[in-house]
């Protein structure tokens, strides 16, 4: 199993959720986040001047999938989140040794 920790622009949530749904994911956890990448924030222009935002609002999505489904989901998320501009986000991929569904005691991919 693989865990995907996906950082995206908040405005891409609906597109990414639709892409994930079409790719057959089973569940997701979404939380608000702030951060920056190598660009160290961004500069916003506003009437009367500009200001720098060091931390940019993002969404963090966490999903665990069977290893066979991971690449399909990564490709779908990448296409849906892409704008071509800095700040599109990242997908962190890690191995998951086991999962337990607390309600039933099921383990492994049956618990996803």
PDB file of N, CA and C in Angstrom:
ATOM      1  N   UNK A   1       0.841  -1.174   0.000  1.00  0.00           N
ATOM      2  CA  UNK A   1       0.000   0.000   0.000  1.00  0.00           C
ATOM      3  C   UNK A   1       0.884   1.234   0.000  1.00  0.00           C
ATOM      4  N   UNK A   2       0.336   2.304  -0.570  1.00  0.00           N
ATOM      5  CA  UNK A   2       1.049   3.579  -0.648  1.00  0.00           C
ATOM      6  C   UNK A   2       0.193   4.665  -0.018  1.00  0.00           C
ATOM      7  N   UNK A   3       0.847   5.567   0.677  1.00  0.00           N
ATOM      8  CA  UNK A   3       0.175   6.760   1.199  1.00  0.00           C
ATOM      9  C   UNK A   3       0.608   7.926   0.339  1.00  0.00           C
ATOM     10  N   UNK A   4      -0.371   8.675  -0.163  1.00  0.00           N
ATOM     11  CA  UNK A   4      -0.105   9.877  -0.937  1.00  0.00           C
ATOM     12  C   UNK A   4      -0.489  11.070  -0.071  1.00  0.00           C
ATOM     13  N   UNK A   5       0.471  11.932   0.175  1.00  0.00           N
ATOM     14  CA  UNK A   5       0.205  13.195   0.847  1.00  0.00           C
ATOM     15  C   UNK A   5       0.287  14.255  -0.233  1.00  0.00           C
ATOM     16  N   UNK A   6      -0.852  14.833  -0.560  1.00  0.00           N
ATOM     17  CA  UNK A   6      -0.977  15.714  -1.721  1.00  0.00           C
ATOM     18  C   UNK A   6      -1.181  17.144  -1.238  1.00  0.00           C
ATOM     19  N   UNK A   7      -0.325  18.038  -1.683  1.00  0.00           N
ATOM     20  CA  UNK A   7      -0.448  19.456  -1.357  1.00  0.00           C
ATOM     21  C   UNK A   7      -0.895  20.162  -2.634  1.00  0.00           C
ATOM     22  N   UNK A   8      -2.054  20.843  -2.577  1.00  0.00           N
ATOM     23  CA  UNK A   8      -2.591  21.500  -3.771  1.00  0.00           C
ATOM     24  C   UNK A   8      -3.083  22.908  -3.441  1.00  0.00           C
ATOM     25  N   UNK A   9      -3.341  23.664  -4.513  1.00  0.00           N
ATOM     26  CA  UNK A   9      -3.994  24.967  -4.355  1.00  0.00           C
ATOM     27  C   UNK A   9      -5.446  24.721  -3.924  1.00  0.00           C
ATOM     28  N   UNK A  10      -5.981  25.536  -3.001  1.00  0.00           N
ATOM     29  CA  UNK A  10      -7.378  25.345  -2.587  1.00  0.00           C
ATOM     30  C   UNK A  10      -8.358  25.394  -3.763  1.00  0.00           C
ATOM     31  N   UNK A  11      -8.089  26.216  -4.757  1.00  0.00           N
ATOM     32  CA  UNK A  11      -8.984  26.338  -5.901  1.00  0.00           C
ATOM     33  C   UNK A  11      -9.024  25.114  -6.799  1.00  0.00           C
ATOM     34  N   UNK A  12      -8.141  24.160  -6.579  1.00  0.00           N
ATOM     35  CA  UNK A  12      -8.091  22.939  -7.391  1.00  0.00           C
ATOM     36  C   UNK A  12      -8.781  21.756  -6.711  1.00  0.00           C
ATOM     37  N   UNK A  13      -9.367  21.983  -5.547  1.00  0.00           N
ATOM     38  CA  UNK A  13      -9.957  20.874  -4.785  1.00  0.00           C
ATOM     39  C   UNK A  13     -11.007  20.112  -5.591  1.00  0.00           C
ATOM     40  N   UNK A  14     -11.967  20.815  -6.164  1.00  0.00           N
ATOM     41  CA  UNK A  14     -13.039  20.117  -6.888  1.00  0.00           C
ATOM     42  C   UNK A  14     -12.494  19.307  -8.060  1.00  0.00           C
ATOM     43  N   UNK A  15     -11.577  19.883  -8.824  1.00  0.00           N
ATOM     44  CA  UNK A  15     -10.998  19.169  -9.972  1.00  0.00           C
ATOM     45  C   UNK A  15     -10.232  17.933  -9.518  1.00  0.00           C
ATOM     46  N   UNK A  16      -9.469  18.069  -8.427  1.00  0.00           N
ATOM     47  CA  UNK A  16      -8.685  16.927  -7.936  1.00  0.00           C
ATOM     48  C   UNK A  16      -9.621  15.849  -7.382  1.00  0.00           C
ATOM     49  N   UNK A  17     -10.661  16.256  -6.647  1.00  0.00           N
ATOM     50  CA  UNK A  17     -11.603  15.256  -6.120  1.00  0.00           C
ATOM     51  C   UNK A  17     -12.301  14.503  -7.251  1.00  0.00           C
ATOM     52  N   UNK A  18     -12.685  15.206  -8.316  1.00  0.00           N
ATOM     53  CA  UNK A  18     -13.309  14.533  -9.458  1.00  0.00           C
ATOM     54  C   UNK A  18     -12.342  13.562 -10.112  1.00  0.00           C
ATOM     55  N   UNK A  19     -11.097  13.977 -10.275  1.00  0.00           N
ATOM     56  CA  UNK A  19     -10.089  13.099 -10.886  1.00  0.00           C
ATOM     57  C   UNK A  19      -9.837  11.871 -10.015  1.00  0.00           C
ATOM     58  N   UNK A  20      -9.793  12.090  -8.699  1.00  0.00           N
ATOM     59  CA  UNK A  20      -9.585  10.959  -7.793  1.00  0.00           C
ATOM     60  C   UNK A  20     -10.771  10.014  -7.833  1.00  0.00           C
ATOM     61  N   UNK A  21     -11.978  10.562  -7.882  1.00  0.00           N
ATOM     62  CA  UNK A  21     -13.179   9.727  -7.934  1.00  0.00           C
ATOM     63  C   UNK A  21     -13.195   8.870  -9.195  1.00  0.00           C
ATOM     64  N   UNK A  22     -12.806   9.457 -10.323  1.00  0.00           N
ATOM     65  CA  UNK A  22     -12.760   8.712 -11.589  1.00  0.00           C
ATOM     66  C   UNK A  22     -11.683   7.645 -11.565  1.00  0.00           C
ATOM     67  N   UNK A  23     -10.695   7.800 -10.684  1.00  0.00           N
ATOM     68  CA  UNK A  23      -9.597   6.837 -10.595  1.00  0.00           C
ATOM     69  C   UNK A  23      -9.838   5.759  -9.553  1.00  0.00           C
ATOM     70  N   UNK A  24     -10.968   5.824  -8.845  1.00  0.00           N
ATOM     71  CA  UNK A  24     -11.351   4.737  -7.960  1.00  0.00           C
ATOM     72  C   UNK A  24     -10.752   4.747  -6.578  1.00  0.00           C
ATOM     73  N   UNK A  25     -10.443   5.920  -6.018  1.00  0.00           N
ATOM     74  CA  UNK A  25      -9.921   5.920  -4.647  1.00  0.00           C
ATOM     75  C   UNK A  25     -11.057   5.574  -3.685  1.00  0.00           C
ATOM     76  N   UNK A  26     -10.709   5.162  -2.462  1.00  0.00           N
ATOM     77  CA  UNK A  26     -11.736   4.746  -1.515  1.00  0.00           C
ATOM     78  C   UNK A  26     -12.017   5.787  -0.437  1.00  0.00           C
ATOM     79  N   UNK A  27     -11.040   6.573  -0.051  1.00  0.00           N
ATOM     80  CA  UNK A  27     -11.258   7.560   0.991  1.00  0.00           C
ATOM     81  C   UNK A  27     -10.146   8.580   1.010  1.00  0.00           C
ATOM     82  N   UNK A  28     -10.423   9.719   1.619  1.00  0.00           N
ATOM     83  CA  UNK A  28      -9.434  10.792   1.667  1.00  0.00           C
ATOM     84  C   UNK A  28      -9.650  11.609   2.932  1.00  0.00           C
ATOM     85  N   UNK A  29      -8.586  12.158   3.463  1.00  0.00           N
ATOM     86  CA  UNK A  29      -8.634  13.112   4.560  1.00  0.00           C
ATOM     87  C   UNK A  29      -8.085  14.423   4.035  1.00  0.00           C
ATOM     88  N   UNK A  30      -8.808  15.521   4.270  1.00  0.00           N
ATOM     89  CA  UNK A  30      -8.402  16.825   3.748  1.00  0.00           C
ATOM     90  C   UNK A  30      -8.268  17.791   4.916  1.00  0.00           C
ATOM     91  N   UNK A  31      -7.181  18.548   4.926  1.00  0.00           N
ATOM     92  CA  UNK A  31      -6.987  19.575   5.949  1.00  0.00           C
ATOM     93  C   UNK A  31      -6.392  20.818   5.319  1.00  0.00           C
ATOM     94  N   UNK A  32      -6.626  21.945   5.980  1.00  0.00           N
ATOM     95  CA  UNK A  32      -6.054  23.198   5.507  1.00  0.00           C
ATOM     96  C   UNK A  32      -4.602  23.275   5.949  1.00  0.00           C
ATOM     97  N   UNK A  33      -3.782  23.903   5.114  1.00  0.00           N
ATOM     98  CA  UNK A  33      -2.368  24.033   5.427  1.00  0.00           C
ATOM     99  C   UNK A  33      -1.868  25.369   4.888  1.00  0.00           C
ATOM    100  N   UNK A  34      -0.722  25.760   5.354  1.00  0.00           N
ATOM    101  CA  UNK A  34      -0.027  26.922   4.810  1.00  0.00           C
ATOM    102  C   UNK A  34       1.417  26.520   4.606  1.00  0.00           C
ATOM    103  N   UNK A  35       2.042  27.103   3.616  1.00  0.00           N
ATOM    104  CA  UNK A  35       3.440  26.784   3.393  1.00  0.00           C
ATOM    105  C   UNK A  35       3.983  27.502   2.183  1.00  0.00           C
ATOM    106  N   UNK A  36       5.190  27.166   1.843  1.00  0.00           N
ATOM    107  CA  UNK A  36       5.797  27.689   0.633  1.00  0.00           C
ATOM    108  C   UNK A  36       6.828  26.697   0.137  1.00  0.00           C
ATOM    109  N   UNK A  37       7.115  26.799  -1.128  1.00  0.00           N
ATOM    110  CA  UNK A  37       8.141  25.976  -1.748  1.00  0.00           C
ATOM    111  C   UNK A  37       9.389  26.811  -1.960  1.00  0.00           C
ATOM    112  N   UNK A  38      10.089  26.507  -3.014  1.00  0.00           N
ATOM    113  CA  UNK A  38      11.364  27.187  -3.266  1.00  0.00           C
ATOM    114  C   UNK A  38      11.179  28.670  -3.581  1.00  0.00           C
ATOM    115  N   UNK A  39       9.954  29.071  -3.966  1.00  0.00           N
ATOM    116  CA  UNK A  39       9.727  30.489  -4.273  1.00  0.00           C
ATOM    117  C   UNK A  39       9.586  31.322  -3.005  1.00  0.00           C
ATOM    118  N   UNK A  40       9.495  30.670  -1.833  1.00  0.00           N
ATOM    119  CA  UNK A  40       9.428  31.346  -0.527  1.00  0.00           C
ATOM    120  C   UNK A  40       8.259  32.307  -0.420  1.00  0.00           C
ATOM    121  N   UNK A  41       7.092  31.880  -0.862  1.00  0.00           N
ATOM    122  CA  UNK A  41       5.907  32.709  -0.778  1.00  0.00           C
ATOM    123  C   UNK A  41       5.621  33.378  -2.106  1.00  0.00           C
ATOM    124  N   UNK A  42       4.772  34.402  -2.067  1.00  0.00           N
ATOM    125  CA  UNK A  42       4.470  35.128  -3.294  1.00  0.00           C
ATOM    126  C   UNK A  42       4.161  36.579  -2.975  1.00  0.00           C
ATOM    127  N   UNK A  43       4.263  37.398  -4.015  1.00  0.00           N
ATOM    128  CA  UNK A  43       3.983  38.826  -3.888  1.00  0.00           C
ATOM    129  C   UNK A  43       2.617  39.095  -4.512  1.00  0.00           C
ATOM    130  N   UNK A  44       1.745  39.746  -3.755  1.00  0.00           N
ATOM    131  CA  UNK A  44       0.408  40.094  -4.222  1.00  0.00           C
ATOM    132  C   UNK A  44       0.368  41.597  -4.491  1.00  0.00           C
ATOM    133  N   UNK A  45      -0.190  41.956  -5.619  1.00  0.00           N
ATOM    134  CA  UNK A  45      -0.395  43.372  -5.923  1.00  0.00           C
ATOM    135  C   UNK A  45      -1.778  43.772  -5.442  1.00  0.00           C
ATOM    136  N   UNK A  46      -1.838  44.919  -4.815  1.00  0.00           N
ATOM    137  CA  UNK A  46      -3.095  45.433  -4.313  1.00  0.00           C
ATOM    138  C   UNK A  46      -3.080  46.947  -4.504  1.00  0.00           C
ATOM    139  N   UNK A  47      -4.249  47.541  -4.606  1.00  0.00           N
ATOM    140  CA  UNK A  47      -4.313  48.985  -4.779  1.00  0.00           C
ATOM    141  C   UNK A  47      -3.459  49.663  -3.699  1.00  0.00           C
ATOM    142  N   UNK A  48      -2.576  50.528  -4.119  1.00  0.00           N
ATOM    143  CA  UNK A  48      -1.721  51.218  -3.159  1.00  0.00           C
ATOM    144  C   UNK A  48      -0.388  50.535  -2.940  1.00  0.00           C
ATOM    145  N   UNK A  49      -0.140  49.407  -3.600  1.00  0.00           N
ATOM    146  CA  UNK A  49       1.163  48.762  -3.445  1.00  0.00           C
ATOM    147  C   UNK A  49       1.077  47.255  -3.506  1.00  0.00           C
ATOM    148  N   UNK A  50       2.140  46.628  -3.119  1.00  0.00           N
ATOM    149  CA  UNK A  50       2.180  45.173  -3.111  1.00  0.00           C
ATOM    150  C   UNK A  50       2.654  44.696  -1.743  1.00  0.00           C
ATOM    151  N   UNK A  51       2.355  43.456  -1.442  1.00  0.00           N
ATOM    152  CA  UNK A  51       2.799  42.879  -0.175  1.00  0.00           C
ATOM    153  C   UNK A  51       3.200  41.431  -0.401  1.00  0.00           C
ATOM    154  N   UNK A  52       4.027  40.939   0.480  1.00  0.00           N
ATOM    155  CA  UNK A  52       4.555  39.579   0.349  1.00  0.00           C
ATOM    156  C   UNK A  52       3.835  38.647   1.319  1.00  0.00           C
ATOM    157  N   UNK A  53       3.403  37.503   0.796  1.00  0.00           N
ATOM    158  CA  UNK A  53       2.835  36.441   1.642  1.00  0.00           C
ATOM    159  C   UNK A  53       3.895  35.362   1.775  1.00  0.00           C
ATOM    160  N   UNK A  54       4.446  35.208   2.987  1.00  0.00           N
ATOM    161  CA  UNK A  54       5.474  34.182   3.198  1.00  0.00           C
ATOM    162  C   UNK A  54       4.877  32.778   3.197  1.00  0.00           C
ATOM    163  N   UNK A  55       3.678  32.655   3.756  1.00  0.00           N
ATOM    164  CA  UNK A  55       3.001  31.355   3.796  1.00  0.00           C
ATOM    165  C   UNK A  55       1.747  31.441   2.943  1.00  0.00           C
ATOM    166  N   UNK A  56       1.618  30.539   2.009  1.00  0.00           N
ATOM    167  CA  UNK A  56       0.524  30.544   1.046  1.00  0.00           C
ATOM    168  C   UNK A  56      -0.496  29.481   1.462  1.00  0.00           C
ATOM    169  N   UNK A  57      -1.797  29.814   1.444  1.00  0.00           N
ATOM    170  CA  UNK A  57      -2.815  28.810   1.794  1.00  0.00           C
ATOM    171  C   UNK A  57      -2.788  27.621   0.818  1.00  0.00           C
ATOM    172  N   UNK A  58      -2.857  26.436   1.369  1.00  0.00           N
ATOM    173  CA  UNK A  58      -2.859  25.186   0.584  1.00  0.00           C
ATOM    174  C   UNK A  58      -3.840  24.217   1.215  1.00  0.00           C
ATOM    175  N   UNK A  59      -4.121  23.138   0.524  1.00  0.00           N
ATOM    176  CA  UNK A  59      -4.870  22.020   1.095  1.00  0.00           C
ATOM    177  C   UNK A  59      -3.976  20.799   1.095  1.00  0.00           C
ATOM    178  N   UNK A  60      -4.064  20.017   2.174  1.00  0.00           N
ATOM    179  CA  UNK A  60      -3.324  18.757   2.270  1.00  0.00           C
ATOM    180  C   UNK A  60      -4.339  17.620   2.198  1.00  0.00           C
ATOM    181  N   UNK A  61      -4.141  16.731   1.242  1.00  0.00           N
ATOM    182  CA  UNK A  61      -5.009  15.570   1.085  1.00  0.00           C
ATOM    183  C   UNK A  61      -4.172  14.329   1.378  1.00  0.00           C
ATOM    184  N   UNK A  62      -4.708  13.448   2.182  1.00  0.00           N
ATOM    185  CA  UNK A  62      -4.003  12.205   2.492  1.00  0.00           C
ATOM    186  C   UNK A  62      -4.882  11.040   2.062  1.00  0.00           C
ATOM    187  N   UNK A  63      -4.312  10.148   1.294  1.00  0.00           N
ATOM    188  CA  UNK A  63      -5.052   8.992   0.818  1.00  0.00           C
ATOM    189  C   UNK A  63      -4.107   7.790   0.809  1.00  0.00           C
ATOM    190  N   UNK A  64      -4.639   6.648   1.228  1.00  0.00           N
ATOM    191  CA  UNK A  64      -3.881   5.395   1.183  1.00  0.00           C
ATOM    192  C   UNK A  64      -4.564   4.491   0.171  1.00  0.00           C
ATOM    193  N   UNK A  65      -3.787   3.959  -0.762  1.00  0.00           N
ATOM    194  CA  UNK A  65      -4.332   3.125  -1.832  1.00  0.00           C
ATOM    195  C   UNK A  65      -3.500   1.851  -1.980  1.00  0.00           C
ATOM    196  N   UNK A  66      -4.099   0.862  -2.642  1.00  0.00           N
ATOM    197  CA  UNK A  66      -3.349  -0.345  -2.974  1.00  0.00           C
ATOM    198  C   UNK A  66      -2.207   0.053  -3.909  1.00  0.00           C
ATOM    199  N   UNK A  67      -1.101  -0.634  -3.798  1.00  0.00           N
ATOM    200  CA  UNK A  67       0.078  -0.278  -4.582  1.00  0.00           C
ATOM    201  C   UNK A  67      -0.231  -0.272  -6.084  1.00  0.00           C
ATOM    202  N   UNK A  68      -1.082  -1.186  -6.530  1.00  0.00           N
ATOM    203  CA  UNK A  68      -1.416  -1.273  -7.956  1.00  0.00           C
ATOM    204  C   UNK A  68      -2.186  -0.053  -8.446  1.00  0.00           C
ATOM    205  N   UNK A  69      -2.844   0.684  -7.549  1.00  0.00           N
ATOM    206  CA  UNK A  69      -3.646   1.848  -7.925  1.00  0.00           C
ATOM    207  C   UNK A  69      -2.885   3.162  -7.806  1.00  0.00           C
ATOM    208  N   UNK A  70      -1.718   3.140  -7.196  1.00  0.00           N
ATOM    209  CA  UNK A  70      -1.023   4.382  -6.850  1.00  0.00           C
ATOM    210  C   UNK A  70      -0.648   5.219  -8.075  1.00  0.00           C
ATOM    211  N   UNK A  71      -0.022   4.639  -9.071  1.00  0.00           N
ATOM    212  CA  UNK A  71       0.433   5.431 -10.220  1.00  0.00           C
ATOM    213  C   UNK A  71      -0.732   6.050 -10.984  1.00  0.00           C
ATOM    214  N   UNK A  72      -1.826   5.314 -11.122  1.00  0.00           N
ATOM    215  CA  UNK A  72      -3.008   5.841 -11.803  1.00  0.00           C
ATOM    216  C   UNK A  72      -3.549   7.064 -11.049  1.00  0.00           C
ATOM    217  N   UNK A  73      -3.577   6.979  -9.731  1.00  0.00           N
ATOM    218  CA  UNK A  73      -4.077   8.090  -8.924  1.00  0.00           C
ATOM    219  C   UNK A  73      -3.115   9.277  -8.968  1.00  0.00           C
ATOM    220  N   UNK A  74      -1.827   9.013  -8.913  1.00  0.00           N
ATOM    221  CA  UNK A  74      -0.823  10.088  -8.979  1.00  0.00           C
ATOM    222  C   UNK A  74      -0.948  10.840 -10.306  1.00  0.00           C
ATOM    223  N   UNK A  75      -1.118  10.114 -11.396  1.00  0.00           N
ATOM    224  CA  UNK A  75      -1.254  10.749 -12.706  1.00  0.00           C
ATOM    225  C   UNK A  75      -2.527  11.594 -12.775  1.00  0.00           C
ATOM    226  N   UNK A  76      -3.625  11.074 -12.256  1.00  0.00           N
ATOM    227  CA  UNK A  76      -4.892  11.808 -12.287  1.00  0.00           C
ATOM    228  C   UNK A  76      -4.813  13.081 -11.447  1.00  0.00           C
ATOM    229  N   UNK A  77      -4.228  12.976 -10.258  1.00  0.00           N
ATOM    230  CA  UNK A  77      -4.102  14.146  -9.386  1.00  0.00           C
ATOM    231  C   UNK A  77      -3.189  15.187 -10.029  1.00  0.00           C
ATOM    232  N   UNK A  78      -2.078  14.734 -10.584  1.00  0.00           N
ATOM    233  CA  UNK A  78      -1.119  15.662 -11.203  1.00  0.00           C
ATOM    234  C   UNK A  78      -1.769  16.440 -12.339  1.00  0.00           C
ATOM    235  N   UNK A  79      -2.517  15.764 -13.182  1.00  0.00           N
ATOM    236  CA  UNK A  79      -3.181  16.445 -14.300  1.00  0.00           C
ATOM    237  C   UNK A  79      -4.230  17.431 -13.797  1.00  0.00           C
ATOM    238  N   UNK A  80      -4.999  17.045 -12.783  1.00  0.00           N
ATOM    239  CA  UNK A  80      -6.075  17.903 -12.291  1.00  0.00           C
ATOM    240  C   UNK A  80      -5.544  19.121 -11.545  1.00  0.00           C
ATOM    241  N   UNK A  81      -4.401  19.001 -10.888  1.00  0.00           N
ATOM    242  CA  UNK A  81      -3.869  20.103 -10.073  1.00  0.00           C
ATOM    243  C   UNK A  81      -2.968  21.037 -10.871  1.00  0.00           C
ATOM    244  N   UNK A  82      -2.633  20.685 -12.078  1.00  0.00           N
ATOM    245  CA  UNK A  82      -1.656  21.434 -12.868  1.00  0.00           C
ATOM    246  C   UNK A  82      -2.207  22.764 -13.373  1.00  0.00           C
ATOM    247  N   UNK A  83      -1.451  23.841 -13.114  1.00  0.00           N
ATOM    248  CA  UNK A  83      -1.710  25.130 -13.767  1.00  0.00           C
ATOM    249  C   UNK A  83      -0.488  25.538 -14.592  1.00  0.00           C
ATOM    250  N   UNK A  84       0.658  24.954 -14.270  1.00  0.00           N
ATOM    251  CA  UNK A  84       1.904  25.316 -14.933  1.00  0.00           C
ATOM    252  C   UNK A  84       2.639  26.459 -14.250  1.00  0.00           C
ATOM    253  N   UNK A  85       2.066  26.969 -13.164  1.00  0.00           N
ATOM    254  CA  UNK A  85       2.671  28.080 -12.425  1.00  0.00           C
ATOM    255  C   UNK A  85       3.300  27.551 -11.136  1.00  0.00           C
ATOM    256  N   UNK A  86       4.290  28.297 -10.585  1.00  0.00           N
ATOM    257  CA  UNK A  86       4.837  27.883  -9.290  1.00  0.00           C
ATOM    258  C   UNK A  86       3.724  27.814  -8.249  1.00  0.00           C
ATOM    259  N   UNK A  87       3.812  26.824  -7.366  1.00  0.00           N
ATOM    260  CA  UNK A  87       2.808  26.677  -6.320  1.00  0.00           C
ATOM    261  C   UNK A  87       1.726  25.661  -6.636  1.00  0.00           C
ATOM    262  N   UNK A  88       1.881  24.900  -7.715  1.00  0.00           N
ATOM    263  CA  UNK A  88       0.886  23.876  -8.047  1.00  0.00           C
ATOM    264  C   UNK A  88       0.809  22.794  -6.969  1.00  0.00           C
ATOM    265  N   UNK A  89       1.903  22.579  -6.227  1.00  0.00           N
ATOM    266  CA  UNK A  89       1.875  21.620  -5.136  1.00  0.00           C
ATOM    267  C   UNK A  89       2.812  20.454  -5.343  1.00  0.00           C
ATOM    268  N   UNK A  90       2.673  19.474  -4.463  1.00  0.00           N
ATOM    269  CA  UNK A  90       3.531  18.292  -4.493  1.00  0.00           C
ATOM    270  C   UNK A  90       2.734  17.074  -4.061  1.00  0.00           C
ATOM    271  N   UNK A  91       3.243  15.915  -4.434  1.00  0.00           N
ATOM    272  CA  UNK A  91       2.692  14.643  -3.962  1.00  0.00           C
ATOM    273  C   UNK A  91       3.829  13.880  -3.302  1.00  0.00           C
ATOM    274  N   UNK A  92       3.715  13.650  -2.013  1.00  0.00           N
ATOM    275  CA  UNK A  92       4.700  12.857  -1.276  1.00  0.00           C
ATOM    276  C   UNK A  92       4.171  11.424  -1.213  1.00  0.00           C
ATOM    277  N   UNK A  93       4.997  10.472  -1.567  1.00  0.00           N
ATOM    278  CA  UNK A  93       4.581   9.068  -1.671  1.00  0.00           C
ATOM    279  C   UNK A  93       5.397   8.255  -0.667  1.00  0.00           C
ATOM    280  N   UNK A  94       4.692   7.496   0.155  1.00  0.00           N
ATOM    281  CA  UNK A  94       5.406   6.664   1.129  1.00  0.00           C
ATOM    282  C   UNK A  94       4.744   5.290   1.216  1.00  0.00           C
ATOM    283  N   UNK A  95       5.505   4.345   1.707  1.00  0.00           N
ATOM    284  CA  UNK A  95       4.999   2.986   1.893  1.00  0.00           C
ATOM    285  C   UNK A  95       4.187   2.911   3.178  1.00  0.00           C
ATOM    286  N   UNK A  96       3.122   2.127   3.143  1.00  0.00           N
ATOM    287  CA  UNK A  96       2.305   1.866   4.332  1.00  0.00           C
ATOM    288  C   UNK A  96       2.395   0.373   4.605  1.00  0.00           C
ATOM    289  N   UNK A  97       2.819   0.026   5.801  1.00  0.00           N
ATOM    290  CA  UNK A  97       3.010  -1.385   6.139  1.00  0.00           C
ATOM    291  C   UNK A  97       1.697  -2.099   6.386  1.00  0.00           C
ATOM    292  N   UNK A  98       0.741  -1.424   7.045  1.00  0.00           N
ATOM    293  CA  UNK A  98      -0.525  -2.073   7.350  1.00  0.00           C
ATOM    294  C   UNK A  98      -1.568  -1.011   7.680  1.00  0.00           C
ATOM    295  N   UNK A  99      -2.834  -1.381   7.582  1.00  0.00           N
ATOM    296  CA  UNK A  99      -3.965  -0.522   7.925  1.00  0.00           C
ATOM    297  C   UNK A  99      -4.941  -1.362   8.730  1.00  0.00           C
ATOM    298  N   UNK A 100      -5.546  -0.779   9.736  1.00  0.00           N
ATOM    299  CA  UNK A 100      -6.566  -1.457  10.536  1.00  0.00           C
ATOM    300  C   UNK A 100      -7.838  -0.629  10.495  1.00  0.00           C
ATOM    301  N   UNK A 101      -8.940  -1.242  10.069  1.00  0.00           N
ATOM    302  CA  UNK A 101     -10.255  -0.575  10.169  1.00  0.00           C
ATOM    303  C   UNK A 101     -10.753  -0.852  11.582  1.00  0.00           C
ATOM    304  N   UNK A 102     -10.836   0.170  12.376  1.00  0.00           N
ATOM    305  CA  UNK A 102     -11.142   0.009  13.793  1.00  0.00           C
ATOM    306  C   UNK A 102     -12.492  -0.670  14.000  1.00  0.00           C
ATOM    307  N   UNK A 103     -13.498  -0.294  13.205  1.00  0.00           N
ATOM    308  CA  UNK A 103     -14.859  -0.828  13.404  1.00  0.00           C
ATOM    309  C   UNK A 103     -14.932  -2.340  13.240  1.00  0.00           C
ATOM    310  N   UNK A 104     -14.232  -2.897  12.252  1.00  0.00           N
ATOM    311  CA  UNK A 104     -14.367  -4.324  11.937  1.00  0.00           C
ATOM    312  C   UNK A 104     -13.133  -5.151  12.265  1.00  0.00           C
ATOM    313  N   UNK A 105     -12.006  -4.499  12.466  1.00  0.00           N
ATOM    314  CA  UNK A 105     -10.766  -5.224  12.704  1.00  0.00           C
ATOM    315  C   UNK A 105     -10.094  -5.693  11.428  1.00  0.00           C
ATOM    316  N   UNK A 106     -10.693  -5.368  10.256  1.00  0.00           N
ATOM    317  CA  UNK A 106     -10.071  -5.752   8.983  1.00  0.00           C
ATOM    318  C   UNK A 106      -8.709  -5.096   8.865  1.00  0.00           C
ATOM    319  N   UNK A 107      -7.823  -5.775   8.140  1.00  0.00           N
ATOM    320  CA  UNK A 107      -6.461  -5.248   7.974  1.00  0.00           C
ATOM    321  C   UNK A 107      -6.078  -5.272   6.513  1.00  0.00           C
ATOM    322  N   UNK A 108      -5.036  -4.519   6.211  1.00  0.00           N
ATOM    323  CA  UNK A 108      -4.492  -4.481   4.855  1.00  0.00           C
ATOM    324  C   UNK A 108      -5.425  -3.781   3.886  1.00  0.00           C
ATOM    325  N   UNK A 109      -5.372  -4.175   2.612  1.00  0.00           N
ATOM    326  CA  UNK A 109      -6.183  -3.514   1.585  1.00  0.00           C
ATOM    327  C   UNK A 109      -7.679  -3.668   1.838  1.00  0.00           C
ATOM    328  N   UNK A 110      -8.107  -4.696   2.582  1.00  0.00           N
ATOM    329  CA  UNK A 110      -9.534  -4.833   2.916  1.00  0.00           C
ATOM    330  C   UNK A 110     -10.006  -3.714   3.835  1.00  0.00           C
ATOM    331  N   UNK A 111      -9.071  -3.101   4.534  1.00  0.00           N
ATOM    332  CA  UNK A 111      -9.431  -2.026   5.461  1.00  0.00           C
ATOM    333  C   UNK A 111      -9.458  -0.664   4.785  1.00  0.00           C
ATOM    334  N   UNK A 112      -9.050  -0.586   3.524  1.00  0.00           N
ATOM    335  CA  UNK A 112      -9.033   0.713   2.830  1.00  0.00           C
ATOM    336  C   UNK A 112     -10.425   1.165   2.477  1.00  0.00           C
TER     337      UNK A 112
END
